[in-house]
Amino acid sequence: MLLPPENYHEFGREHHGLRGPVKICAEEVTYPVSAAADGSLIPERKFQRTTEFDYEGRIVITRSQNPNQPDWVSRCI
């Protein structure tokens, strides 16, 4: 889900379906080998995202890792 930058910090644990004192949520998505339109094979790809929450459950930091691309960090202040 993409959120407007000015509202991003307002969405916390509950919005993501988490309950209780969750500090960090780590997610990983793996896409299997697939074929491109030209018939060439696209290898398996993994994407990782880690979200950190403050004591009140608001998002503080989101880190994303994508293969063959720079990692990026978003801090909500």
N, C-alpha and C. Protein backbone atom coordinates (compact mmCIF):
# COMPACT_ATOMS: atom_id res chain seq x y z
N MET A 1 0.84 -1.16 0.00
CA MET A 1 0.00 0.00 0.00
C MET A 1 0.90 1.23 0.00
N LEU A 2 0.64 2.13 -0.90
CA LEU A 2 1.37 3.39 -0.93
C LEU A 2 0.56 4.45 -0.22
N LEU A 3 1.21 5.19 0.65
CA LEU A 3 0.53 6.22 1.42
C LEU A 3 1.17 7.56 1.13
N PRO A 4 0.41 8.65 1.15
CA PRO A 4 1.00 9.97 0.97
C PRO A 4 2.03 10.22 2.06
N PRO A 5 3.19 10.80 1.73
CA PRO A 5 4.24 11.02 2.72
C PRO A 5 3.77 11.77 3.95
N GLU A 6 2.88 12.73 3.79
CA GLU A 6 2.45 13.52 4.95
C GLU A 6 1.59 12.71 5.91
N ASN A 7 1.03 11.59 5.49
CA ASN A 7 0.16 10.77 6.35
C ASN A 7 0.82 9.47 6.77
N TYR A 8 1.98 9.17 6.25
CA TYR A 8 2.56 7.84 6.44
C TYR A 8 2.74 7.47 7.91
N HIS A 9 3.22 8.40 8.74
CA HIS A 9 3.47 8.10 10.14
C HIS A 9 2.20 7.83 10.94
N GLU A 10 1.04 8.23 10.42
CA GLU A 10 -0.22 8.04 11.13
C GLU A 10 -0.70 6.59 11.10
N PHE A 11 -0.20 5.82 10.16
CA PHE A 11 -0.61 4.43 10.04
C PHE A 11 0.35 3.57 10.84
N GLY A 12 -0.18 2.87 11.82
CA GLY A 12 0.67 2.11 12.72
C GLY A 12 0.39 0.63 12.70
N ARG A 13 0.68 0.01 13.84
CA ARG A 13 0.55 -1.44 13.96
C ARG A 13 -0.83 -1.94 13.58
N GLU A 14 -1.88 -1.34 14.12
CA GLU A 14 -3.24 -1.83 13.89
C GLU A 14 -3.61 -1.75 12.41
N HIS A 15 -3.18 -0.69 11.75
CA HIS A 15 -3.47 -0.54 10.32
C HIS A 15 -2.87 -1.70 9.52
N HIS A 16 -1.75 -2.24 9.99
CA HIS A 16 -1.08 -3.35 9.32
C HIS A 16 -1.54 -4.71 9.83
N GLY A 17 -2.57 -4.73 10.67
CA GLY A 17 -3.10 -5.99 11.17
C GLY A 17 -2.31 -6.57 12.34
N LEU A 18 -1.48 -5.76 12.98
CA LEU A 18 -0.68 -6.23 14.11
C LEU A 18 -1.34 -5.79 15.40
N ARG A 19 -1.20 -6.61 16.45
CA ARG A 19 -1.79 -6.29 17.74
C ARG A 19 -0.73 -6.38 18.82
N GLY A 20 -0.89 -5.58 19.85
CA GLY A 20 0.01 -5.65 20.99
C GLY A 20 1.31 -4.90 20.76
N PRO A 21 2.29 -5.15 21.63
CA PRO A 21 3.54 -4.38 21.60
C PRO A 21 4.53 -4.87 20.54
N VAL A 22 4.21 -4.69 19.29
CA VAL A 22 5.10 -5.08 18.20
C VAL A 22 6.10 -3.96 17.97
N LYS A 23 7.38 -4.27 17.97
CA LYS A 23 8.43 -3.28 17.73
C LYS A 23 8.87 -3.31 16.26
N ILE A 24 9.05 -4.52 15.70
CA ILE A 24 9.55 -4.67 14.34
C ILE A 24 8.72 -5.72 13.61
N CYS A 25 8.39 -5.42 12.35
CA CYS A 25 7.71 -6.38 11.48
C CYS A 25 8.58 -6.56 10.24
N ALA A 26 8.99 -7.79 9.96
CA ALA A 26 9.81 -8.08 8.78
C ALA A 26 8.97 -8.87 7.78
N GLU A 27 8.98 -8.42 6.53
CA GLU A 27 8.21 -9.07 5.48
C GLU A 27 9.15 -9.44 4.35
N GLU A 28 8.90 -10.58 3.73
CA GLU A 28 9.68 -10.98 2.57
C GLU A 28 8.73 -11.55 1.52
N VAL A 29 8.91 -11.13 0.29
CA VAL A 29 8.10 -11.63 -0.82
C VAL A 29 9.06 -12.25 -1.82
N THR A 30 8.76 -13.46 -2.26
CA THR A 30 9.58 -14.14 -3.26
C THR A 30 8.73 -14.36 -4.51
N TYR A 31 9.22 -13.86 -5.63
CA TYR A 31 8.56 -14.08 -6.91
C TYR A 31 9.29 -15.20 -7.62
N PRO A 32 8.57 -16.22 -8.09
CA PRO A 32 9.22 -17.36 -8.75
C PRO A 32 9.76 -16.98 -10.13
N VAL A 33 10.54 -17.87 -10.69
CA VAL A 33 11.04 -17.69 -12.05
C VAL A 33 9.82 -17.52 -12.97
N SER A 34 9.92 -16.59 -13.89
CA SER A 34 8.81 -16.35 -14.82
C SER A 34 9.37 -16.05 -16.20
N ALA A 35 8.49 -16.06 -17.18
CA ALA A 35 8.90 -15.80 -18.56
C ALA A 35 8.49 -14.38 -18.95
N ALA A 36 9.40 -13.68 -19.61
CA ALA A 36 9.12 -12.35 -20.13
C ALA A 36 8.35 -12.48 -21.44
N ALA A 37 7.85 -11.37 -21.96
CA ALA A 37 7.08 -11.39 -23.20
C ALA A 37 7.89 -11.96 -24.37
N ASP A 38 9.21 -11.76 -24.34
CA ASP A 38 10.05 -12.26 -25.43
C ASP A 38 10.48 -13.71 -25.23
N GLY A 39 10.00 -14.36 -24.15
CA GLY A 39 10.31 -15.76 -23.89
C GLY A 39 11.52 -15.97 -23.00
N SER A 40 12.28 -14.94 -22.73
CA SER A 40 13.44 -15.09 -21.85
C SER A 40 12.96 -15.29 -20.41
N LEU A 41 13.79 -15.94 -19.61
CA LEU A 41 13.42 -16.22 -18.23
C LEU A 41 13.88 -15.11 -17.29
N ILE A 42 13.00 -14.74 -16.39
CA ILE A 42 13.32 -13.78 -15.34
C ILE A 42 13.58 -14.61 -14.09
N PRO A 43 14.77 -14.51 -13.50
CA PRO A 43 15.08 -15.35 -12.33
C PRO A 43 14.23 -15.00 -11.11
N GLU A 44 14.24 -15.92 -10.15
CA GLU A 44 13.54 -15.69 -8.89
C GLU A 44 14.05 -14.40 -8.25
N ARG A 45 13.11 -13.61 -7.68
CA ARG A 45 13.46 -12.34 -7.05
C ARG A 45 12.89 -12.30 -5.64
N LYS A 46 13.65 -11.70 -4.71
CA LYS A 46 13.19 -11.54 -3.33
C LYS A 46 13.21 -10.07 -2.96
N PHE A 47 12.16 -9.64 -2.31
CA PHE A 47 12.05 -8.27 -1.82
C PHE A 47 11.81 -8.34 -0.31
N GLN A 48 12.50 -7.50 0.44
CA GLN A 48 12.36 -7.50 1.89
C GLN A 48 12.02 -6.10 2.37
N ARG A 49 11.15 -6.04 3.38
CA ARG A 49 10.82 -4.76 4.01
C ARG A 49 10.72 -4.97 5.51
N THR A 50 11.34 -4.07 6.27
CA THR A 50 11.30 -4.10 7.72
C THR A 50 10.68 -2.78 8.18
N THR A 51 9.68 -2.87 9.04
CA THR A 51 9.01 -1.69 9.57
C THR A 51 9.19 -1.67 11.08
N GLU A 52 9.64 -0.52 11.60
CA GLU A 52 9.80 -0.34 13.04
C GLU A 52 8.73 0.62 13.55
N PHE A 53 8.20 0.29 14.74
CA PHE A 53 7.14 1.09 15.35
C PHE A 53 7.63 1.70 16.66
N ASP A 54 7.07 2.86 17.03
CA ASP A 54 7.40 3.44 18.33
C ASP A 54 6.51 2.80 19.40
N TYR A 55 6.66 3.24 20.66
CA TYR A 55 5.92 2.66 21.78
C TYR A 55 4.41 2.77 21.59
N GLU A 56 3.95 3.84 20.93
CA GLU A 56 2.52 4.04 20.72
C GLU A 56 1.99 3.34 19.47
N GLY A 57 2.88 2.67 18.74
CA GLY A 57 2.45 1.89 17.59
C GLY A 57 2.54 2.59 16.25
N ARG A 58 3.11 3.79 16.20
CA ARG A 58 3.23 4.51 14.93
C ARG A 58 4.50 4.08 14.21
N ILE A 59 4.47 4.14 12.89
CA ILE A 59 5.65 3.80 12.09
C ILE A 59 6.73 4.83 12.33
N VAL A 60 7.95 4.34 12.58
CA VAL A 60 9.10 5.22 12.79
C VAL A 60 10.06 5.10 11.61
N ILE A 61 10.38 3.87 11.21
CA ILE A 61 11.34 3.63 10.13
C ILE A 61 10.85 2.48 9.26
N THR A 62 11.00 2.61 7.96
CA THR A 62 10.76 1.52 7.02
C THR A 62 12.02 1.33 6.19
N ARG A 63 12.50 0.09 6.13
CA ARG A 63 13.68 -0.24 5.33
C ARG A 63 13.26 -1.23 4.25
N SER A 64 13.70 -0.99 3.02
CA SER A 64 13.38 -1.89 1.91
C SER A 64 14.65 -2.34 1.22
N GLN A 65 14.67 -3.61 0.84
CA GLN A 65 15.79 -4.17 0.11
C GLN A 65 15.25 -4.86 -1.13
N ASN A 66 15.78 -4.47 -2.28
CA ASN A 66 15.39 -5.05 -3.55
C ASN A 66 16.64 -5.56 -4.25
N PRO A 67 16.54 -6.67 -4.95
CA PRO A 67 17.72 -7.20 -5.64
C PRO A 67 18.19 -6.23 -6.73
N ASN A 68 19.48 -6.10 -6.85
CA ASN A 68 20.11 -5.29 -7.90
C ASN A 68 19.74 -3.81 -7.84
N GLN A 69 19.27 -3.35 -6.71
CA GLN A 69 18.94 -1.93 -6.53
C GLN A 69 19.44 -1.50 -5.17
N PRO A 70 19.68 -0.20 -5.00
CA PRO A 70 20.11 0.27 -3.68
C PRO A 70 18.99 0.07 -2.63
N ASP A 71 19.41 -0.22 -1.40
CA ASP A 71 18.46 -0.28 -0.30
C ASP A 71 18.00 1.13 0.01
N TRP A 72 16.81 1.29 0.60
CA TRP A 72 16.37 2.62 0.99
C TRP A 72 15.70 2.58 2.34
N VAL A 73 15.79 3.71 3.02
CA VAL A 73 15.25 3.86 4.37
C VAL A 73 14.36 5.08 4.40
N SER A 74 13.18 4.96 4.98
CA SER A 74 12.27 6.09 5.20
C SER A 74 12.12 6.29 6.69
N ARG A 75 12.36 7.50 7.16
CA ARG A 75 12.19 7.83 8.58
C ARG A 75 11.02 8.78 8.72
N CYS A 76 10.14 8.49 9.64
CA CYS A 76 8.99 9.35 9.91
C CYS A 76 9.31 10.18 11.15
N ILE A 77 9.28 11.47 11.00
CA ILE A 77 9.59 12.34 12.15
C ILE A 77 8.42 13.26 12.44
